[in-house]
């Protein structure tokens, strides 16, 4: 009799055509942040068709599909976001329709981005962020349903979650899902697997992100008599220089995640008329944090500079705050949320990661590790809730948000098997497998 992983390999091949067609359908369906209803309907319909035990949509528009094992055990959340960024100028897409979902053979990076190789790919917006990965996760769940139908036993609960509004980077969909929907329905989770692009590697963390608004104050006067005013733009220059020349070089580096960073990305002034000396200069600052840092620590660093400047110059006045955003879902629910995402990482020696690595080895996939440059909703599961979290996905990070957006079909099929294998291995773990993260 075949063991469960031998059977899984055959099921993966059975699903090959279906999962590729499903990924293509997702890519052909626009779902810019705040407009995810149609894609959510497709997710729900597909999970019902594939035999998920429970499928529902919450009041914010997130979708959930649950598969119960034959025995009690840990609950593993498999997470994808349903939204995507704008395709931008279609003239940059080199003949591909951003919503065409065209399949062809093209030159594409190998797993390690060392060489180009010919492979079949699906082209279009969100192919690599994250619709190729979402299709693989949903069909990994379907593989578990098939295994159960064939009499194989396994522990735990597989929970697929498709969340709204990840791209704006405030985690509103994930926060609502975990803190409200799960709580109300009595759903718990022990660990999370993200479908964000990882090139079939196990991704183990990323830096956090805080958006600050620093406001430097002055006093208006007529532009013909600037000596009568205090020009807020000029007053901001010492602050800008200290951030660039003193604060940035002093920031710490994490061995895995890289350098903490700070970047001034937008400057605006008020009143903003040519004949008026501005009395406000607003600086939008992007701060990338590493474990051990948070928004308050990063804010205090800039407040210290403001204090030093105000002590030297009585006319210098400024303050800083974390920016916020008002996000409205396609169902009409609104949240005003801070633009603050926590950093996180999980060690490759953590029992959850080791179990995932063993799973990939079992199905013949090479085990490699990586870390994201960008942020993900794992800032909630790992950064806030401290639950073991990893990324595993067929998509490749370098194509995300570009007019070269694509996903390899061979990687999608491998990810169906890999995701299901990870589930089967980690649910057999012990208490250490699900130890909360610390740093």
Protein backbone atom coordinates (compact mmCIF):
# COMPACT_ATOMS: atom_id res chain seq x y z
CA UNK A 1 0.00 0.00 0.00
CA UNK A 2 1.29 3.47 -0.88
CA UNK A 3 2.14 5.78 2.01
CA UNK A 4 0.45 9.17 2.29
CA UNK A 5 3.25 11.08 0.55
CA UNK A 6 3.35 8.66 -2.38
CA UNK A 7 -0.39 9.13 -2.75
CA UNK A 8 0.04 12.91 -2.47
CA UNK A 9 2.44 12.87 -5.42
CA UNK A 10 -0.17 11.17 -7.60
CA UNK A 11 -2.90 13.57 -6.49
CA UNK A 12 -0.65 16.52 -7.35
CA UNK A 13 -0.41 15.22 -10.92
CA UNK A 14 -4.19 14.73 -11.07
CA UNK A 15 -4.69 18.37 -10.12
CA UNK A 16 -2.06 19.76 -12.49
CA UNK A 17 -4.42 21.04 -15.20
CA UNK A 18 -7.06 22.24 -12.74
CA UNK A 19 -4.76 24.29 -10.54
CA UNK A 20 -3.10 25.99 -13.52
CA UNK A 21 -6.49 26.89 -15.00
CA UNK A 22 -7.63 28.17 -11.61
CA UNK A 23 -4.55 30.36 -11.25
CA UNK A 24 -5.16 31.68 -14.75
CA UNK A 25 -8.77 32.52 -13.87
CA UNK A 26 -7.67 34.40 -10.75
CA UNK A 27 -5.15 36.45 -12.75
CA UNK A 28 -7.85 37.29 -15.32
CA UNK A 29 -10.05 38.74 -12.54
CA UNK A 30 -9.15 42.30 -11.46
CA UNK A 31 -9.11 42.79 -7.67
CA UNK A 32 -7.41 46.06 -6.82
CA UNK A 33 -7.56 46.80 -3.07
CA UNK A 34 -11.12 47.57 -1.99
CA UNK A 35 -12.69 45.82 -5.01
CA UNK A 36 -12.17 42.16 -4.13
CA UNK A 37 -15.78 40.93 -4.21
CA UNK A 38 -15.57 39.12 -7.56
CA UNK A 39 -12.32 37.35 -6.69
CA UNK A 40 -13.73 36.43 -3.26
CA UNK A 41 -16.74 34.85 -4.97
CA UNK A 42 -14.38 32.77 -7.12
CA UNK A 43 -12.40 31.58 -4.08
CA UNK A 44 -15.58 30.56 -2.26
CA UNK A 45 -17.00 28.73 -5.27
CA UNK A 46 -13.76 26.83 -5.90
CA UNK A 47 -13.40 25.69 -2.29
CA UNK A 48 -17.01 24.49 -2.21
CA UNK A 49 -16.45 22.59 -5.47
CA UNK A 50 -13.28 20.98 -4.08
CA UNK A 51 -15.04 19.64 -0.99
CA UNK A 52 -13.85 21.90 1.83
CA UNK A 53 -15.77 21.11 5.02
CA UNK A 54 -16.64 24.73 5.80
CA UNK A 55 -16.52 27.79 3.58
CA UNK A 56 -17.60 31.30 4.52
CA UNK A 57 -17.12 35.02 4.00
CA UNK A 58 -16.83 37.34 7.00
CA UNK A 59 -18.40 40.78 7.31
CA UNK A 60 -15.26 42.51 6.01
CA UNK A 61 -15.16 40.35 2.91
CA UNK A 62 -12.36 37.94 3.89
CA UNK A 63 -12.90 34.33 2.82
CA UNK A 64 -12.18 31.19 4.83
CA UNK A 65 -12.12 27.51 3.92
CA UNK A 66 -11.61 24.78 6.52
CA UNK A 67 -10.67 21.11 6.13
CA UNK A 68 -10.82 18.93 9.22
CA UNK A 69 -8.41 16.08 9.71
CA UNK A 70 -9.54 12.66 10.84
CA UNK A 71 -8.11 13.33 14.30
CA UNK A 72 -7.82 16.33 16.60
CA UNK A 73 -4.66 18.33 16.19
CA UNK A 74 -3.10 21.72 15.51
CA UNK A 75 -4.75 24.28 13.22
CA UNK A 76 -2.51 25.65 10.48
CA UNK A 77 -3.54 28.81 8.69
CA UNK A 78 -2.61 29.08 5.02
CA UNK A 79 -2.88 32.73 4.07
CA UNK A 80 -3.12 34.69 0.83
CA UNK A 81 -4.34 38.21 0.15
CA UNK A 82 -6.94 38.76 -2.55
CA UNK A 83 -6.02 42.29 -3.62
CA UNK A 84 -3.32 43.53 -5.96
CA UNK A 85 -1.73 46.81 -7.02
CA UNK A 86 -2.58 48.69 -10.20
CA UNK A 87 -1.12 47.32 -13.45
CA UNK A 88 0.23 50.79 -14.22
CA UNK A 89 0.86 51.83 -17.81
CA UNK A 90 -0.18 48.90 -20.02
CA UNK A 91 2.39 50.00 -22.62
CA UNK A 92 5.11 48.68 -20.28
CA UNK A 93 3.75 45.12 -20.41
CA UNK A 94 5.60 44.21 -23.63
CA UNK A 95 2.62 42.73 -25.43
CA UNK A 96 0.96 41.01 -22.46
CA UNK A 97 -2.50 42.01 -21.26
CA UNK A 98 -2.23 42.58 -17.47
CA UNK A 99 -5.52 40.68 -17.08
CA UNK A 100 -5.03 38.26 -19.97
CA UNK A 101 -3.56 35.38 -18.01
CA UNK A 102 -1.68 34.29 -21.11
CA UNK A 103 0.29 31.06 -20.84
CA UNK A 104 3.45 30.64 -22.88
CA UNK A 105 7.03 29.39 -22.75
CA UNK A 106 9.42 32.19 -21.80
CA UNK A 107 12.81 32.89 -20.25
CA UNK A 108 12.43 33.12 -16.50
CA UNK A 109 14.74 33.15 -13.48
CA UNK A 110 15.65 29.87 -11.83
CA UNK A 111 15.04 29.41 -8.10
CA UNK A 112 18.20 31.25 -7.06
CA UNK A 113 18.06 33.97 -9.75
CA UNK A 114 21.45 32.82 -11.04
CA UNK A 115 20.45 31.95 -14.60
CA UNK A 116 17.51 32.29 -16.97
CA UNK A 117 15.79 29.13 -18.17
CA UNK A 118 12.85 28.27 -20.38
CA UNK A 119 9.67 27.48 -18.48
CA UNK A 120 5.92 27.71 -18.96
CA UNK A 121 4.52 30.79 -17.23
CA UNK A 122 1.21 32.55 -16.66
CA UNK A 123 1.52 36.30 -17.26
CA UNK A 124 -0.51 39.09 -15.68
CA UNK A 125 -0.98 41.35 -12.71
CA UNK A 126 -0.83 39.48 -9.38
CA UNK A 127 0.59 36.32 -10.95
CA UNK A 128 3.50 36.69 -8.52
CA UNK A 129 1.65 38.60 -5.79
CA UNK A 130 -0.17 36.42 -4.87
CA UNK A 131 -2.62 34.61 -7.13
CA UNK A 132 -0.24 31.87 -8.22
CA UNK A 133 0.48 31.10 -4.58
CA UNK A 134 -3.17 31.29 -3.56
CA UNK A 135 -4.15 28.74 -6.20
CA UNK A 136 -1.46 26.36 -4.90
CA UNK A 137 -2.67 26.76 -1.31
CA UNK A 138 -6.33 26.11 -2.15
CA UNK A 139 -5.42 23.01 -4.15
CA UNK A 140 -3.14 21.81 -1.35
CA UNK A 141 -6.30 21.77 0.74
CA UNK A 142 -8.07 19.88 -2.02
CA UNK A 143 -5.27 17.31 -1.95
CA UNK A 144 -5.94 16.76 1.75
CA UNK A 145 -9.63 16.21 0.98
CA UNK A 146 -8.63 13.57 -1.59
CA UNK A 147 -6.29 11.87 0.86
CA UNK A 148 -9.06 11.70 3.45
CA UNK A 149 -11.49 10.27 0.87
CA UNK A 150 -8.94 7.56 0.06
CA UNK A 151 -8.86 6.49 3.71
CA UNK A 152 -5.68 8.19 4.85
CA UNK A 153 -5.73 9.62 8.36
CA UNK A 154 -4.16 12.89 9.46
CA UNK A 155 -4.44 15.27 12.37
CA UNK A 156 -5.44 18.88 12.65
CA UNK A 157 -7.26 21.55 10.68
CA UNK A 158 -6.22 23.16 7.41
CA UNK A 159 -7.53 26.73 7.29
CA UNK A 160 -7.23 28.68 4.06
CA UNK A 161 -7.72 32.43 4.49
CA UNK A 162 -8.01 34.95 1.69
CA UNK A 163 -7.85 38.45 3.12
CA UNK A 164 -8.71 41.86 1.76
CA UNK A 165 -6.53 44.96 1.53
CA UNK A 166 -3.04 43.67 2.21
CA UNK A 167 -1.41 45.92 -0.37
CA UNK A 168 -2.07 49.22 1.48
CA UNK A 169 0.18 47.74 4.22
CA UNK A 170 -2.05 48.34 7.22
CA UNK A 171 -3.07 44.66 7.66
CA UNK A 172 -6.75 45.60 8.06
CA UNK A 173 -8.04 42.39 6.51
CA UNK A 174 -5.80 40.13 8.59
CA UNK A 175 -6.40 42.08 11.79
CA UNK A 176 -10.16 41.88 11.35
CA UNK A 177 -10.03 38.18 10.46
CA UNK A 178 -7.92 37.10 13.44
CA UNK A 179 -9.06 39.52 16.14
CA UNK A 180 -12.78 39.68 15.29
CA UNK A 181 -13.95 36.91 12.97
CA UNK A 182 -11.89 34.09 14.46
CA UNK A 183 -12.70 35.23 17.98
CA UNK A 184 -16.45 35.36 17.31
CA UNK A 185 -16.45 31.95 15.63
CA UNK A 186 -14.17 30.29 18.17
CA UNK A 187 -11.50 29.57 15.57
CA UNK A 188 -7.90 29.34 16.74
CA UNK A 189 -4.68 28.81 14.81
CA UNK A 190 -1.30 27.50 15.90
CA UNK A 191 0.91 28.57 12.99
CA UNK A 192 0.73 30.25 9.60
CA UNK A 193 2.07 29.60 6.09
CA UNK A 194 2.06 32.65 3.82
CA UNK A 195 1.75 32.41 0.05
CA UNK A 196 3.86 35.54 -0.53
CA UNK A 197 6.55 35.00 -3.16
CA UNK A 198 9.37 32.71 -2.00
CA UNK A 199 10.53 30.73 -5.09
CA UNK A 200 9.70 27.43 -3.34
CA UNK A 201 12.07 28.35 -0.51
CA UNK A 202 11.11 28.64 3.15
CA UNK A 203 11.04 32.35 3.99
CA UNK A 204 11.64 33.15 7.63
CA UNK A 205 11.00 36.83 8.24
CA UNK A 206 11.16 40.43 7.11
CA UNK A 207 11.74 43.91 8.48
CA UNK A 208 8.89 45.98 9.82
CA UNK A 209 7.68 49.26 8.40
CA UNK A 210 6.52 52.47 10.08
CA UNK A 211 5.40 55.56 8.20
CA UNK A 212 6.01 58.82 10.06
CA UNK A 213 4.84 62.36 9.40
CA UNK A 214 7.25 64.97 10.75
CA UNK A 215 5.93 68.53 10.64
CA UNK A 216 8.29 71.50 10.90
CA UNK A 217 6.59 74.80 11.78
CA UNK A 218 7.35 78.33 10.70
CA UNK A 219 5.43 81.57 10.18
CA UNK A 220 3.93 82.95 6.99
CA UNK A 221 4.86 86.21 5.35
CA UNK A 222 4.56 87.64 1.88
CA UNK A 223 6.97 86.08 -0.57
CA UNK A 224 8.27 89.57 -1.36
CA UNK A 225 9.34 90.03 2.26
CA UNK A 226 10.63 86.64 3.44
CA UNK A 227 12.53 88.22 6.34
CA UNK A 228 9.18 88.86 8.03
CA UNK A 229 8.38 85.15 8.19
CA UNK A 230 9.98 81.89 9.29
CA UNK A 231 10.34 79.58 6.30
CA UNK A 232 9.37 76.07 7.41
CA UNK A 233 11.17 74.52 4.45
CA UNK A 234 14.46 76.11 5.43
CA UNK A 235 13.90 75.11 9.07
CA UNK A 236 13.41 71.49 7.98
CA UNK A 237 16.85 71.26 6.34
CA UNK A 238 18.82 70.64 9.61
CA UNK A 239 16.34 67.90 10.55
CA UNK A 240 16.67 66.26 7.13
CA UNK A 241 20.46 66.40 7.30
CA UNK A 242 20.61 64.88 10.78
CA UNK A 243 18.28 62.06 9.79
CA UNK A 244 20.38 61.31 6.70
CA UNK A 245 23.89 61.88 8.06
CA UNK A 246 23.59 60.89 11.74
CA UNK A 247 20.53 58.74 12.43
CA UNK A 248 20.62 56.49 9.35
CA UNK A 249 24.30 55.45 9.75
CA UNK A 250 23.67 54.66 13.44
CA UNK A 251 20.82 52.20 12.83
CA UNK A 252 21.42 48.56 13.67
CA UNK A 253 21.66 45.61 11.31
CA UNK A 254 20.06 42.19 11.70
CA UNK A 255 22.17 39.26 10.52
CA UNK A 256 19.32 37.74 8.53
CA UNK A 257 16.97 40.61 7.73
CA UNK A 258 19.58 43.21 6.93
CA UNK A 259 19.94 46.88 7.72
CA UNK A 260 17.30 48.91 9.53
CA UNK A 261 16.73 51.94 7.36
CA UNK A 262 15.12 55.35 7.14
CA UNK A 263 14.12 57.21 4.00
CA UNK A 264 12.55 60.64 3.44
CA UNK A 265 10.18 60.01 0.54
CA UNK A 266 7.72 62.93 0.34
CA UNK A 267 8.07 66.65 1.13
CA UNK A 268 5.05 68.95 1.11
CA UNK A 269 4.51 72.46 2.38
CA UNK A 270 1.59 74.63 3.41
CA UNK A 271 -0.04 76.97 2.42
CA UNK A 272 1.69 75.95 -0.81
CA UNK A 273 1.35 79.21 -2.74
CA UNK A 274 4.20 80.88 -4.60
CA UNK A 275 3.74 84.25 -2.93
CA UNK A 276 3.55 82.95 0.65
CA UNK A 277 6.43 81.85 2.87
CA UNK A 278 5.31 78.40 4.13
CA UNK A 279 4.52 77.93 7.79
CA UNK A 280 4.48 74.12 7.63
CA UNK A 281 6.81 71.63 6.00
CA UNK A 282 5.62 68.02 6.14
CA UNK A 283 8.11 65.18 5.79
CA UNK A 284 6.83 61.67 5.07
CA UNK A 285 9.39 59.19 6.36
CA UNK A 286 9.65 55.45 5.66
CA UNK A 287 11.34 53.62 8.55
CA UNK A 288 12.18 49.92 8.23
CA UNK A 289 12.58 48.24 11.61
CA UNK A 290 14.29 45.05 12.75
CA UNK A 291 13.41 42.77 15.68
CA UNK A 292 14.02 44.64 18.92
CA UNK A 293 12.70 47.88 17.41
CA UNK A 294 9.16 49.19 17.24
CA UNK A 295 7.36 52.37 16.24
CA UNK A 296 7.85 54.00 19.63
CA UNK A 297 11.60 53.41 19.64
CA UNK A 298 11.92 54.73 16.09
CA UNK A 299 9.80 57.77 16.96
CA UNK A 300 11.91 58.58 20.02
CA UNK A 301 15.05 58.60 17.86
CA UNK A 302 13.66 61.41 15.72
CA UNK A 303 12.18 63.23 18.71
CA UNK A 304 15.67 63.33 20.20
CA UNK A 305 16.94 65.11 17.09
CA UNK A 306 14.02 67.55 17.21
CA UNK A 307 14.81 68.35 20.83
CA UNK A 308 18.50 68.96 20.07
CA UNK A 309 17.64 71.30 17.20
CA UNK A 310 15.08 73.23 19.23
CA UNK A 311 17.63 73.77 22.03
CA UNK A 312 20.08 75.30 19.54
CA UNK A 313 17.51 77.31 17.59
CA UNK A 314 14.59 78.94 19.47
CA UNK A 315 12.72 79.31 16.17
CA UNK A 316 12.88 75.60 15.38
CA UNK A 317 9.61 73.81 16.19
CA UNK A 318 8.60 70.37 14.98
CA UNK A 319 6.73 67.24 15.96
CA UNK A 320 6.38 63.70 14.63
CA UNK A 321 3.63 61.09 14.63
CA UNK A 322 2.86 57.72 13.09
CA UNK A 323 0.73 58.23 10.01
CA UNK A 324 -2.69 56.62 9.81
CA UNK A 325 -5.02 55.67 7.01
CA UNK A 326 -8.75 55.15 6.62
CA UNK A 327 -9.40 51.87 4.83
CA UNK A 328 -12.84 50.81 3.57
CA UNK A 329 -13.53 47.24 2.47
CA UNK A 330 -15.77 46.24 -0.42
CA UNK A 331 -18.43 45.32 2.16
CA UNK A 332 -18.40 48.86 3.58
CA UNK A 333 -16.50 48.28 6.83
CA UNK A 334 -14.06 51.08 7.67
CA UNK A 335 -10.98 51.12 9.86
CA UNK A 336 -8.67 53.98 10.75
CA UNK A 337 -5.38 52.25 11.36
CA UNK A 338 -1.77 53.26 12.06
CA UNK A 339 0.73 52.67 9.28
CA UNK A 340 2.83 50.37 11.43
CA UNK A 341 3.85 46.79 10.62
CA UNK A 342 5.98 44.80 13.04
CA UNK A 343 9.26 43.09 12.10
CA UNK A 344 9.61 39.37 12.72
CA UNK A 345 11.76 36.34 12.09
CA UNK A 346 11.78 32.67 12.92
CA UNK A 347 15.00 30.70 13.31
CA UNK A 348 15.73 27.90 10.86
CA UNK A 349 16.25 25.69 13.93
CA UNK A 350 12.73 26.35 15.22
CA UNK A 351 10.83 23.07 15.28
CA UNK A 352 8.12 24.42 12.98
CA UNK A 353 10.67 25.35 10.30
CA UNK A 354 12.49 22.04 10.73
CA UNK A 355 9.22 20.14 10.23
CA UNK A 356 8.48 22.16 7.09
CA UNK A 357 11.99 21.46 5.78
CA UNK A 358 11.55 17.75 6.44
CA UNK A 359 8.30 17.86 4.49
CA UNK A 360 9.99 19.37 1.43
CA UNK A 361 12.75 16.78 1.62
CA UNK A 362 10.14 14.03 1.78
CA UNK A 363 8.58 15.14 -1.51
CA UNK A 364 11.96 15.65 -3.18
CA UNK A 365 12.17 19.44 -3.11
CA UNK A 366 15.46 21.17 -2.19
CA UNK A 367 15.37 22.97 1.14
CA UNK A 368 16.55 26.57 0.91
CA UNK A 369 15.84 29.58 3.08
CA UNK A 370 15.26 33.26 2.49
CA UNK A 371 13.86 36.51 3.87
CA UNK A 372 11.58 39.05 2.23
CA UNK A 373 12.63 42.57 1.35
CA UNK A 374 9.01 43.71 1.54
CA UNK A 375 6.39 43.37 4.27
CA UNK A 376 3.55 40.83 4.57
CA UNK A 377 0.56 40.10 6.77
CA UNK A 378 2.85 37.83 8.80
CA UNK A 379 3.55 41.05 10.71
CA UNK A 380 0.26 40.19 12.44
CA UNK A 381 0.64 36.43 12.91
CA UNK A 382 4.36 36.41 13.78
CA UNK A 383 5.15 40.03 14.67
CA UNK A 384 2.15 40.63 16.96
CA UNK A 385 0.70 37.21 17.82
CA UNK A 386 4.19 35.60 17.85
CA UNK A 387 2.83 32.45 16.21
CA UNK A 388 5.32 30.39 14.16
CA UNK A 389 5.04 31.62 10.56
CA UNK A 390 6.85 30.95 7.30
CA UNK A 391 6.52 31.76 3.65
CA UNK A 392 6.33 29.03 1.02
CA UNK A 393 5.18 29.84 -2.47
CA UNK A 394 5.71 29.12 -6.19
CA UNK A 395 5.95 32.83 -6.99
CA UNK A 396 9.18 34.78 -7.44
CA UNK A 397 9.66 38.03 -5.54
CA UNK A 398 11.51 39.91 -8.30
CA UNK A 399 8.43 39.94 -10.56
CA UNK A 400 6.00 41.37 -7.99
CA UNK A 401 4.50 44.78 -8.82
CA UNK A 402 6.34 44.89 -12.16
CA UNK A 403 5.05 44.80 -15.77
CA UNK A 404 6.90 41.46 -16.04
CA UNK A 405 4.53 39.85 -13.52
CA UNK A 406 4.47 36.10 -14.08
CA UNK A 407 4.42 32.75 -12.30
CA UNK A 408 5.91 29.43 -13.38
CA UNK A 409 3.31 26.69 -13.83
CA UNK A 410 5.79 23.96 -12.83
CA UNK A 411 6.35 25.81 -9.54
CA UNK A 412 2.58 26.05 -8.93
CA UNK A 413 2.20 22.29 -9.26
CA UNK A 414 5.19 21.65 -6.99
CA UNK A 415 3.74 24.07 -4.42
CA UNK A 416 0.48 22.11 -4.25
CA UNK A 417 2.45 19.08 -3.11
CA UNK A 418 4.83 21.11 -0.94
CA UNK A 419 2.07 22.95 0.92
CA UNK A 420 0.14 19.75 1.62
CA UNK A 421 3.32 17.97 2.74
CA UNK A 422 4.19 20.82 5.11
CA UNK A 423 0.76 20.53 6.69
CA UNK A 424 1.02 16.76 7.11
CA UNK A 425 4.45 17.03 8.74
CA UNK A 426 3.88 19.98 11.09
CA UNK A 427 0.62 18.64 12.53
CA UNK A 428 2.56 15.58 13.71
CA UNK A 429 4.82 17.82 15.79
CA UNK A 430 4.89 18.38 19.53
CA UNK A 431 4.54 21.45 21.76
CA UNK A 432 7.93 22.76 20.61
CA UNK A 433 6.69 22.86 17.03
CA UNK A 434 4.30 25.62 18.00
CA UNK A 435 6.39 27.54 20.53
CA UNK A 436 5.76 31.26 20.36
CA UNK A 437 8.45 33.37 18.73
CA UNK A 438 10.94 35.40 20.74
CA UNK A 439 13.69 37.83 19.79
